[in-house]
Protein backbone atom coordinates (compact mmCIF):
# COMPACT_ATOMS: atom_id res chain seq x y z
CA UNK A 1 -28.93 -42.00 15.99
CA UNK A 2 -26.75 -41.76 19.10
CA UNK A 3 -23.68 -42.87 17.13
CA UNK A 4 -24.40 -40.26 14.46
CA UNK A 5 -24.62 -37.49 17.05
CA UNK A 6 -21.42 -38.68 18.72
CA UNK A 7 -19.66 -38.66 15.33
CA UNK A 8 -20.86 -35.13 14.57
CA UNK A 9 -19.74 -33.93 17.99
CA UNK A 10 -16.33 -35.57 17.55
CA UNK A 11 -15.99 -33.86 14.18
CA UNK A 12 -16.81 -30.45 15.71
CA UNK A 13 -14.29 -30.97 18.52
CA UNK A 14 -11.61 -31.98 16.01
CA UNK A 15 -12.20 -28.84 13.91
CA UNK A 16 -12.16 -26.56 16.98
CA UNK A 17 -8.88 -28.07 18.19
CA UNK A 18 -7.35 -27.66 14.74
CA UNK A 19 -8.48 -24.01 14.71
CA UNK A 20 -6.92 -23.44 18.13
CA UNK A 21 -3.56 -24.75 16.87
CA UNK A 22 -3.60 -22.21 14.03
CA UNK A 23 -4.76 -19.44 16.36
CA UNK A 24 -1.79 -20.10 18.64
CA UNK A 25 0.34 -18.79 15.76
CA UNK A 26 -2.21 -16.16 14.67
CA UNK A 27 -2.85 -17.90 11.36
CA UNK A 28 -6.36 -16.49 10.94
CA UNK A 29 -7.32 -17.78 7.45
CA UNK A 30 -6.59 -21.41 8.34
CA UNK A 31 -8.23 -21.10 11.76
CA UNK A 32 -11.35 -19.65 10.14
CA UNK A 33 -11.69 -22.63 7.78
CA UNK A 34 -11.78 -25.04 10.72
CA UNK A 35 -14.17 -22.98 12.84
CA UNK A 36 -16.54 -22.61 9.88
CA UNK A 37 -16.46 -26.41 9.47
CA UNK A 38 -17.37 -26.79 13.16
CA UNK A 39 -20.15 -24.21 12.78
CA UNK A 40 -21.76 -26.23 9.99
CA UNK A 41 -22.48 -29.04 12.44
CA UNK A 42 -23.13 -26.69 15.39
CA UNK A 43 -25.16 -23.91 13.71
CA UNK A 44 -26.85 -22.96 17.00
CA UNK A 45 -23.60 -22.30 18.86
CA UNK A 46 -23.38 -18.65 19.92
CA UNK A 47 -19.77 -19.21 21.01
CA UNK A 48 -18.75 -20.40 17.54
CA UNK A 49 -20.59 -17.54 15.84
CA UNK A 50 -18.69 -15.09 18.05
CA UNK A 51 -15.36 -16.78 17.34
CA UNK A 52 -15.89 -16.78 13.58
CA UNK A 53 -17.14 -13.19 13.77
CA UNK A 54 -13.99 -12.21 15.64
CA UNK A 55 -11.77 -13.76 12.95
CA UNK A 56 -13.75 -11.95 10.26
CA UNK A 57 -13.20 -8.67 12.13
CA UNK A 58 -9.49 -9.37 12.52
CA UNK A 59 -9.26 -9.94 8.74
CA UNK A 60 -11.45 -6.86 8.05
CA UNK A 61 -14.29 -8.96 6.59
CA UNK A 62 -16.66 -6.65 8.40
CA UNK A 63 -20.07 -7.48 6.97
CA UNK A 64 -19.48 -11.19 7.52
CA UNK A 65 -18.42 -10.36 11.07
CA UNK A 66 -21.65 -8.42 11.68
CA UNK A 67 -23.72 -11.37 10.38
CA UNK A 68 -22.09 -13.74 12.88
CA UNK A 69 -22.41 -11.22 15.72
CA UNK A 70 -26.11 -10.89 15.01
CA UNK A 71 -26.54 -14.70 15.06
CA UNK A 72 -24.68 -14.88 18.39
CA UNK A 73 -26.88 -12.16 19.87
CA UNK A 74 -30.07 -13.88 18.69
CA UNK A 75 -28.93 -17.19 20.15
CA UNK A 76 -27.52 -16.01 23.49
CA UNK A 77 -28.45 -12.34 23.96
CA UNK A 78 -25.94 -9.60 24.78
CA UNK A 79 -23.23 -11.51 26.63
CA UNK A 80 -20.13 -9.96 28.16
CA UNK A 81 -18.01 -11.45 25.36
CA UNK A 82 -20.38 -9.99 22.77
CA UNK A 83 -20.10 -6.53 24.34
CA UNK A 84 -16.30 -6.75 24.25
CA UNK A 85 -16.41 -7.71 20.57
CA UNK A 86 -18.57 -4.68 19.83
CA UNK A 87 -16.09 -2.42 21.63
CA UNK A 88 -13.19 -3.94 19.70
CA UNK A 89 -15.07 -3.51 16.42
CA UNK A 90 -15.65 0.13 17.35
CA UNK A 91 -11.96 0.61 18.14
CA UNK A 92 -10.76 -1.18 15.02
CA UNK A 93 -12.94 0.89 12.71
CA UNK A 94 -11.63 4.17 14.01
CA UNK A 95 -13.44 5.29 17.19
CA UNK A 96 -10.24 5.30 19.23
CA UNK A 97 -11.01 8.34 21.37
CA UNK A 98 -14.24 6.77 22.58
CA UNK A 99 -13.02 3.21 23.09
CA UNK A 100 -9.35 3.46 24.14
CA UNK A 101 -9.95 4.13 27.85
CA UNK A 102 -12.55 1.35 28.09
CA UNK A 103 -10.30 -1.18 26.39
CA UNK A 104 -6.81 -0.29 27.62
CA UNK A 105 -7.77 -1.41 31.12
CA UNK A 106 -7.67 -4.97 29.80
CA UNK A 107 -3.96 -4.43 29.14
CA UNK A 108 -3.10 -2.58 32.37
CA UNK A 109 -4.90 -5.22 34.47
CA UNK A 110 -3.27 -8.04 32.47
CA UNK A 111 -6.57 -9.68 31.57
CA UNK A 112 -6.64 -12.72 29.21
CA UNK A 113 -8.28 -10.60 26.49
CA UNK A 114 -5.36 -8.10 26.47
CA UNK A 115 -3.79 -9.39 23.19
CA UNK A 116 -7.14 -9.16 21.37
CA UNK A 117 -7.66 -5.64 22.69
CA UNK A 118 -4.14 -4.54 21.70
CA UNK A 119 -4.67 -5.86 18.20
CA UNK A 120 -7.99 -4.03 17.78
CA UNK A 121 -6.49 -0.75 19.08
CA UNK A 122 -3.39 -1.05 16.88
CA UNK A 123 -5.49 -1.79 13.78
CA UNK A 124 -7.79 1.09 14.68
CA UNK A 125 -4.81 3.45 14.95
CA UNK A 126 -3.58 2.32 11.52
CA UNK A 127 -7.10 2.78 10.19
CA UNK A 128 -7.07 6.37 11.43
CA UNK A 129 -3.54 6.83 10.05
CA UNK A 130 -2.03 7.32 13.50
CA UNK A 131 1.18 5.25 13.27
CA UNK A 132 2.54 6.72 16.52
CA UNK A 133 -0.44 5.40 18.47
CA UNK A 134 -0.26 2.05 16.62
CA UNK A 135 3.42 1.72 17.56
CA UNK A 136 2.72 2.61 21.22
CA UNK A 137 0.08 -0.11 21.48
CA UNK A 138 2.11 -2.71 19.59
CA UNK A 139 5.31 -2.11 21.58
CA UNK A 140 3.40 -2.54 24.84
CA UNK A 141 1.75 -5.67 23.47
CA UNK A 142 5.16 -7.12 22.54
CA UNK A 143 6.44 -6.49 26.08
CA UNK A 144 3.96 -9.12 27.27
CA UNK A 145 4.06 -11.36 24.19
CA UNK A 146 7.40 -10.83 22.43
CA UNK A 147 6.81 -13.67 19.95
CA UNK A 148 3.22 -12.89 18.97
CA UNK A 149 3.15 -13.22 15.17
CA UNK A 150 0.30 -10.75 14.65
CA UNK A 151 1.94 -8.13 16.89
CA UNK A 152 5.20 -8.48 14.94
CA UNK A 153 3.41 -8.17 11.61
CA UNK A 154 1.55 -5.05 12.72
CA UNK A 155 4.81 -3.58 14.02
CA UNK A 156 6.49 -4.24 10.66
CA UNK A 157 3.67 -2.41 8.90
CA UNK A 158 3.82 0.54 11.30
CA UNK A 159 7.59 1.08 11.27
CA UNK A 160 7.63 0.67 7.49
CA UNK A 161 5.07 3.49 7.20
CA UNK A 162 7.30 5.56 9.49
CA UNK A 163 10.24 5.04 7.13
CA UNK A 164 12.23 2.35 8.92
CA UNK A 165 12.19 -0.55 6.44
CA UNK A 166 15.19 -2.21 8.16
CA UNK A 167 13.25 -2.45 11.44
CA UNK A 168 10.20 -3.69 9.53
CA UNK A 169 12.27 -6.50 8.04
CA UNK A 170 13.61 -7.47 11.48
CA UNK A 171 10.04 -7.74 12.84
CA UNK A 172 8.85 -9.85 9.89
CA UNK A 173 11.81 -12.20 10.14
CA UNK A 174 11.10 -12.67 13.85
CA UNK A 175 7.48 -13.51 12.95
CA UNK A 176 8.77 -16.09 10.47
CA UNK A 177 10.90 -17.66 13.20
CA UNK A 178 7.64 -18.51 14.98
CA UNK A 179 5.94 -19.92 11.88
CA UNK A 180 8.39 -20.59 9.01
CA UNK A 181 5.74 -22.21 6.79
CA UNK A 182 3.66 -19.04 6.39
CA UNK A 183 3.96 -18.08 2.70
CA UNK A 184 1.93 -14.92 3.29
CA UNK A 185 4.60 -13.67 5.71
CA UNK A 186 7.35 -14.62 3.24
CA UNK A 187 5.66 -12.36 0.69
CA UNK A 188 5.72 -9.46 3.16
CA UNK A 189 9.39 -10.20 3.78
CA UNK A 190 10.22 -10.04 0.05
CA UNK A 191 8.44 -6.68 -0.28
CA UNK A 192 10.80 -5.20 2.32
CA UNK A 193 13.84 -6.86 0.72
CA UNK A 194 12.88 -5.25 -2.60
CA UNK A 195 12.55 -1.84 -0.94
CA UNK A 196 16.06 -2.31 0.46
CA UNK A 197 17.36 -3.30 -3.02
CA UNK A 198 18.33 -6.74 -1.72
CA UNK A 199 17.10 -8.29 -4.94
CA UNK A 200 19.09 -11.55 -4.86
CA UNK A 201 17.68 -12.49 -1.44
CA UNK A 202 14.17 -11.62 -2.57
CA UNK A 203 14.55 -13.65 -5.77
CA UNK A 204 15.65 -16.74 -3.82
CA UNK A 205 12.45 -16.60 -1.72
CA UNK A 206 10.19 -15.70 -4.66
CA UNK A 207 11.59 -18.51 -6.77
CA UNK A 208 10.66 -20.99 -4.04
CA UNK A 209 7.15 -19.52 -3.78
CA UNK A 210 6.68 -19.61 -7.58
CA UNK A 211 7.47 -23.31 -7.60
CA UNK A 212 4.42 -23.79 -5.34
CA UNK A 213 2.14 -21.37 -7.20
CA UNK A 214 3.55 -20.52 -10.67
CA UNK A 215 0.77 -18.08 -11.60
CA UNK A 216 0.33 -16.32 -8.26
CA UNK A 217 0.33 -12.57 -9.08
CA UNK A 218 1.44 -11.61 -5.56
CA UNK A 219 4.64 -13.58 -6.17
CA UNK A 220 5.07 -13.11 -9.91
CA UNK A 221 4.90 -9.31 -9.85
CA UNK A 222 7.70 -8.70 -7.31
CA UNK A 223 9.83 -11.32 -9.10
CA UNK A 224 9.41 -9.46 -12.40
CA UNK A 225 10.26 -6.15 -10.75
CA UNK A 226 13.33 -7.64 -9.05
CA UNK A 227 14.66 -8.95 -12.36
CA UNK A 228 13.89 -5.66 -14.11
CA UNK A 229 15.61 -3.60 -11.40
CA UNK A 230 18.65 -5.86 -11.66
CA UNK A 231 18.91 -4.97 -15.34
CA UNK A 232 17.54 -8.31 -16.52
CA UNK A 233 14.60 -6.92 -18.53
CA UNK A 234 14.64 -9.76 -21.07
CA UNK A 235 14.39 -12.35 -18.27
CA UNK A 236 11.53 -10.40 -16.66
CA UNK A 237 9.67 -10.24 -19.98
CA UNK A 238 10.26 -13.96 -20.56
CA UNK A 239 8.83 -14.76 -17.12
CA UNK A 240 5.73 -12.70 -17.84
CA UNK A 241 5.27 -14.28 -21.26
CA UNK A 242 5.51 -17.74 -19.72
CA UNK A 243 3.08 -17.22 -16.84
CA UNK A 244 0.78 -14.37 -17.89
CA UNK A 245 -2.12 -16.24 -19.47
CA UNK A 246 -4.99 -14.39 -21.17
CA UNK A 247 -7.34 -15.23 -18.31
CA UNK A 248 -5.00 -13.81 -15.63
CA UNK A 249 -7.18 -11.51 -13.48
CA UNK A 250 -4.33 -9.38 -12.05
CA UNK A 251 -4.39 -5.78 -13.37
CA UNK A 252 -0.97 -5.18 -11.80
CA UNK A 253 0.64 -7.86 -13.97
CA UNK A 254 -0.98 -6.61 -17.18
CA UNK A 255 0.01 -3.02 -16.36
CA UNK A 256 3.59 -4.09 -15.62
CA UNK A 257 3.80 -6.00 -18.89
CA UNK A 258 2.34 -3.04 -20.78
CA UNK A 259 4.90 -0.70 -19.22
CA UNK A 260 7.82 -3.02 -20.03
CA UNK A 261 6.59 -3.69 -23.57
CA UNK A 262 6.29 0.06 -24.17
CA UNK A 263 9.86 0.58 -22.97
CA UNK A 264 10.99 -2.15 -25.37
CA UNK A 265 9.46 -0.16 -28.27
CA UNK A 266 6.27 -2.15 -28.92
CA UNK A 267 3.42 0.36 -28.36
CA UNK A 268 0.73 -1.73 -30.11
CA UNK A 269 1.28 -4.72 -27.82
CA UNK A 270 1.68 -2.35 -24.87
CA UNK A 271 -1.76 -0.83 -25.58
CA UNK A 272 -3.34 -4.30 -25.62
CA UNK A 273 -1.82 -5.19 -22.24
CA UNK A 274 -2.70 -1.84 -20.64
CA UNK A 275 -6.29 -2.08 -21.81
CA UNK A 276 -6.49 -5.60 -20.35
CA UNK A 277 -5.39 -4.12 -17.02
CA UNK A 278 -7.98 -1.34 -17.24
CA UNK A 279 -10.76 -3.75 -18.14
CA UNK A 280 -10.11 -5.45 -14.80
CA UNK A 281 -9.50 -2.22 -12.84
CA UNK A 282 -10.56 1.00 -14.65
CA UNK A 283 -8.87 3.12 -11.95
CA UNK A 284 -5.46 1.43 -12.12
CA UNK A 285 -3.01 4.32 -11.80
CA UNK A 286 0.02 2.82 -13.56
CA UNK A 287 -2.07 1.48 -16.45
CA UNK A 288 -3.84 4.82 -16.98
CA UNK A 289 -0.65 6.90 -16.99
CA UNK A 290 1.19 4.43 -19.23
CA UNK A 291 -1.76 4.29 -21.64
CA UNK A 292 -1.64 8.07 -22.16
CA UNK A 293 2.09 7.81 -23.01
CA UNK A 294 1.42 4.81 -25.26
CA UNK A 295 -1.34 6.55 -27.22
CA UNK A 296 0.90 9.55 -27.88
CA UNK A 297 3.57 7.26 -29.26
CA UNK A 298 0.93 5.81 -31.56
CA UNK A 299 0.01 9.34 -32.70
CA UNK A 300 -3.45 9.28 -31.10
CA UNK A 301 -3.11 12.54 -29.21
CA UNK A 302 -6.85 13.24 -28.81
CA UNK A 303 -7.40 9.91 -27.04
CA UNK A 304 -4.31 10.53 -24.91
CA UNK A 305 -5.70 13.90 -23.80
CA UNK A 306 -8.97 12.25 -22.72
CA UNK A 307 -6.99 9.79 -20.60
CA UNK A 308 -4.95 12.67 -19.17
CA UNK A 309 -8.16 14.51 -18.24
CA UNK A 310 -9.49 11.43 -16.42
CA UNK A 311 -6.13 11.08 -14.66
CA UNK A 312 -6.31 14.72 -13.52
CA UNK A 313 -9.81 14.10 -12.14
CA UNK A 314 -8.54 11.08 -10.20
CA UNK A 315 -5.63 13.16 -8.88
CA UNK A 316 -8.14 15.77 -7.69
CA UNK A 317 -10.13 13.09 -5.88
CA UNK A 318 -6.92 11.83 -4.29
CA UNK A 319 -6.17 15.35 -3.07
CA UNK A 320 -9.67 15.52 -1.57
CA UNK A 321 -8.96 12.21 0.19
CA UNK A 322 -5.85 13.69 1.79
CA UNK A 323 -7.85 16.78 2.79
CA UNK A 324 -10.54 14.69 4.46
CA UNK A 325 -8.03 12.59 6.37
CA UNK A 326 -5.89 15.53 7.46
CA UNK A 327 -8.43 18.29 8.05
CA UNK A 328 -12.09 17.26 7.92
CA UNK A 329 -12.11 13.93 9.70
CA UNK A 330 -10.57 15.09 13.00
CA UNK A 331 -13.06 17.97 13.19
CA UNK A 332 -16.20 16.40 11.76
CA UNK A 333 -16.51 12.64 12.40
CA UNK A 334 -19.98 12.46 10.85
CA UNK A 335 -21.54 9.65 8.80
CA UNK A 336 -21.51 11.93 5.74
CA UNK A 337 -17.73 12.46 6.02
CA UNK A 338 -17.17 8.73 6.53
CA UNK A 339 -19.32 8.01 3.48
CA UNK A 340 -17.53 10.54 1.27
CA UNK A 341 -14.16 9.18 2.36
CA UNK A 342 -15.17 5.57 1.75
CA UNK A 343 -16.73 6.37 -1.62
CA UNK A 344 -13.60 8.17 -2.81
CA UNK A 345 -11.42 5.28 -1.67
CA UNK A 346 -13.59 2.71 -3.46
CA UNK A 347 -13.55 4.83 -6.63
CA UNK A 348 -9.77 4.92 -6.36
CA UNK A 349 -9.63 1.14 -6.22
CA UNK A 350 -8.96 0.87 -2.47
CA UNK A 351 -11.14 -1.86 -0.93
CA UNK A 352 -10.29 -0.51 2.52
CA UNK A 353 -12.83 2.22 1.74
CA UNK A 354 -15.47 -0.33 2.70
CA UNK A 355 -14.42 0.06 6.32
CA UNK A 356 -15.33 3.75 6.25
CA UNK A 357 -18.62 3.00 4.49
CA UNK A 358 -19.49 0.48 7.19
CA UNK A 359 -18.55 3.06 9.79
CA UNK A 360 -21.03 5.48 8.21
CA UNK A 361 -23.71 2.76 8.22
CA UNK A 362 -22.98 1.93 11.86
CA UNK A 363 -23.68 5.55 12.82
CA UNK A 364 -26.72 5.91 10.55
CA UNK A 365 -28.34 2.47 10.38
CA UNK A 366 -31.57 3.75 8.83
CA UNK A 367 -30.01 5.42 5.79
CA UNK A 368 -31.46 3.69 2.68
CA UNK A 369 -28.70 5.08 0.41
CA UNK A 370 -26.05 3.27 2.47
CA UNK A 371 -27.98 0.00 2.50
CA UNK A 372 -28.64 0.23 -1.25
CA UNK A 373 -24.93 0.63 -1.94
CA UNK A 374 -24.00 -2.46 0.10
CA UNK A 375 -26.76 -4.59 -1.43
CA UNK A 376 -25.66 -3.62 -4.97
CA UNK A 377 -21.94 -3.84 -4.20
CA UNK A 378 -21.99 -7.33 -2.74
CA UNK A 379 -24.41 -8.63 -5.35
CA UNK A 380 -22.01 -7.48 -8.10
CA UNK A 381 -19.17 -9.19 -6.20
CA UNK A 382 -21.18 -12.41 -6.23
CA UNK A 383 -21.40 -12.36 -2.41
CA UNK A 384 -24.89 -11.07 -1.60
CA UNK A 385 -24.91 -12.82 1.78
CA UNK A 386 -22.27 -10.28 2.90
CA UNK A 387 -25.08 -7.71 2.74
CA UNK A 388 -27.77 -9.73 4.49
CA UNK A 389 -28.52 -6.87 6.90
CA UNK A 390 -28.99 -4.46 3.99
CA UNK A 391 -31.26 -6.86 2.09
CA UNK A 392 -33.45 -7.16 5.19
CA UNK A 393 -33.54 -3.38 5.67
CA UNK A 394 -34.44 -2.70 2.02
CA UNK A 395 -37.13 -5.39 1.98
CA UNK A 396 -38.85 -3.68 4.93
CA UNK A 397 -38.07 -0.14 3.70
CA UNK A 398 -39.78 -0.50 0.31
CA UNK A 399 -42.78 -2.22 1.89
CA UNK A 400 -43.16 0.66 4.31
CA UNK A 401 -43.19 3.02 1.32
CA UNK A 402 -45.83 0.79 -0.31
CA UNK A 403 -43.53 -0.11 -3.23
CA UNK A 404 -43.97 -3.91 -3.50
CA UNK A 405 -42.28 -4.13 -6.92
CA UNK A 406 -39.12 -2.55 -5.51
CA UNK A 407 -39.31 -4.77 -2.43
CA UNK A 408 -39.65 -7.96 -4.51
CA UNK A 409 -35.97 -8.64 -5.29
CA UNK A 410 -34.89 -8.32 -1.65
CA UNK A 411 -37.69 -10.59 -0.43
CA UNK A 412 -36.84 -13.26 -3.01
CA UNK A 413 -33.19 -13.19 -2.02
CA UNK A 414 -34.04 -13.54 1.69
CA UNK A 415 -36.44 -16.40 1.05
CA UNK A 416 -33.86 -18.32 -1.01
CA UNK A 417 -31.12 -17.62 1.51
CA UNK A 418 -33.01 -18.89 4.56
CA UNK A 419 -34.41 -21.83 2.60
CA UNK A 420 -30.84 -22.93 1.75
CA UNK A 421 -29.95 -22.57 5.43
CA UNK A 422 -32.94 -24.80 6.19
CA UNK A 423 -34.33 -22.11 8.48
CA UNK A 424 -37.59 -21.07 6.76
CA UNK A 425 -39.06 -19.90 10.06
CA UNK A 426 -36.60 -17.00 9.94
CA UNK A 427 -38.61 -15.45 7.10
CA UNK A 428 -42.28 -16.38 7.43
CA UNK A 429 -43.38 -12.79 6.71
CA UNK A 430 -41.07 -12.70 3.68
CA UNK A 431 -42.57 -15.87 2.20
CA UNK A 432 -46.09 -14.64 2.98
CA UNK A 433 -45.41 -11.40 1.09
CA UNK A 434 -44.06 -13.36 -1.90
CA UNK A 435 -47.02 -15.72 -1.89
CA UNK A 436 -49.48 -12.79 -1.87
CA UNK A 437 -47.44 -10.87 -4.48
CA UNK A 438 -47.37 -13.70 -7.04
CA UNK A 439 -50.97 -14.69 -6.30
CA UNK A 440 -52.03 -11.15 -7.24
CA UNK A 441 -49.87 -11.41 -10.37
CA UNK A 442 -51.64 -14.71 -11.15
CA UNK A 443 -48.34 -16.60 -11.35
CA UNK A 444 -49.40 -19.90 -9.77
CA UNK A 445 -45.99 -21.55 -10.09
CA UNK A 446 -44.16 -18.87 -8.12
CA UNK A 447 -46.99 -18.45 -5.63
CA UNK A 448 -46.90 -22.18 -4.87
CA UNK A 449 -43.10 -22.11 -4.46
CA UNK A 450 -43.34 -19.62 -1.59
CA UNK A 451 -46.47 -21.23 -0.19
CA UNK A 452 -44.49 -24.46 0.26
CA UNK A 453 -41.93 -22.55 2.35
CA UNK A 454 -44.59 -21.47 4.86
CA UNK A 455 -45.22 -23.38 8.13
CA UNK A 456 -47.81 -26.19 7.97
CA UNK A 457 -50.33 -24.21 10.04
CA UNK A 458 -50.23 -21.27 7.64
CA UNK A 459 -50.51 -23.51 4.59
CA UNK A 460 -53.53 -25.21 6.17
CA UNK A 461 -55.11 -21.82 6.84
CA UNK A 462 -54.55 -20.77 3.22
CA UNK A 463 -56.03 -24.06 1.97
CA UNK A 464 -59.24 -23.35 3.92
CA UNK A 465 -59.50 -19.93 2.29
CA UNK A 466 -59.05 -21.51 -1.16
């Protein structure tokens, strides 16, 4: 038994050290894999929950971050590190006015947490579409850490938004000097090369990336566009034909092929490709506009007009988005405004809208409409555990309203979740509700399932009653 424990501890230490090596170069996805592996053998470690939560926040996986924060708080209480994380989450999701003064002191006093704080403030400024503030924070950060990969990447994003693609490319290439093996940074580099019409340089990099991942849409699409912009349309089409399999889930690739096929005078095939794109993403702008053109060329003007009408509605929603960001948000930072903004962004196919929806939930934690959205959204995405907080809220909410049938689904999910985590004591009341519910429905099989998940003392008590 002692050897087993020593082996488990050695495994955890190995994974933590591996994560630290990746974190030294700000490679968050790889670091997260190792910390999650360590957490599997140290599930009661508040420190590890906080570290994984921080990485989730840095990658904008906000609900997963909240789940880890909650576990850390339950295990260790409200520590100083936990409080700092909450402030950085607040800053990163847009509450800059409230959190800047509290956090910037970490930078001015040169505290060890200064880089983390700078990152959260810079991301928060980008989130609020304040590139000037993001650049101010990032430039100060780079004064202290001139080779910080994450700072350089954020700077490239900021200066690109401000119109200086040349400076963005310089920042990205400096980031690559620190970690040349990062394919994700190479992809960012090629996007700037394409914007600068340096197609041959971009193609050289993309060709190397395609050899590693031939069907990667994030590499294939810019390669196709490079070839097309160079006047090599036939080569671009050949590349798409070779790699674009019927099960390819990228709407961008299908839309691009539809557009190119239409330009080559094949509207029937173009329609098939564009509809494939829209099946994956009904709001895809390029696919929708190209489909209207395609249908007119096929003589189906009535259908084309319906598509045009839907496009006009989307354009109107986009205009409302701009209005909220430019006029309403600065003057009315209410949960309702956050929710409208997030909803419009999600409808427009922008996953970043989730950040605004979470911001609304953070300010109005007892709003059942918000929780219902997140429970439904993550369940459709096949990731219901991302909405664990919402499932717990809705389970209690419908019980309070004396609606056991509506509460059933959320209770069953919670019971299965904690049973898989081998922590049935986390949901004794949930399993008791399910046992009572199915007993009343006279479904012995299901009643017994949840009875078995109850503590021994409760099962013994129930046996006496029987």
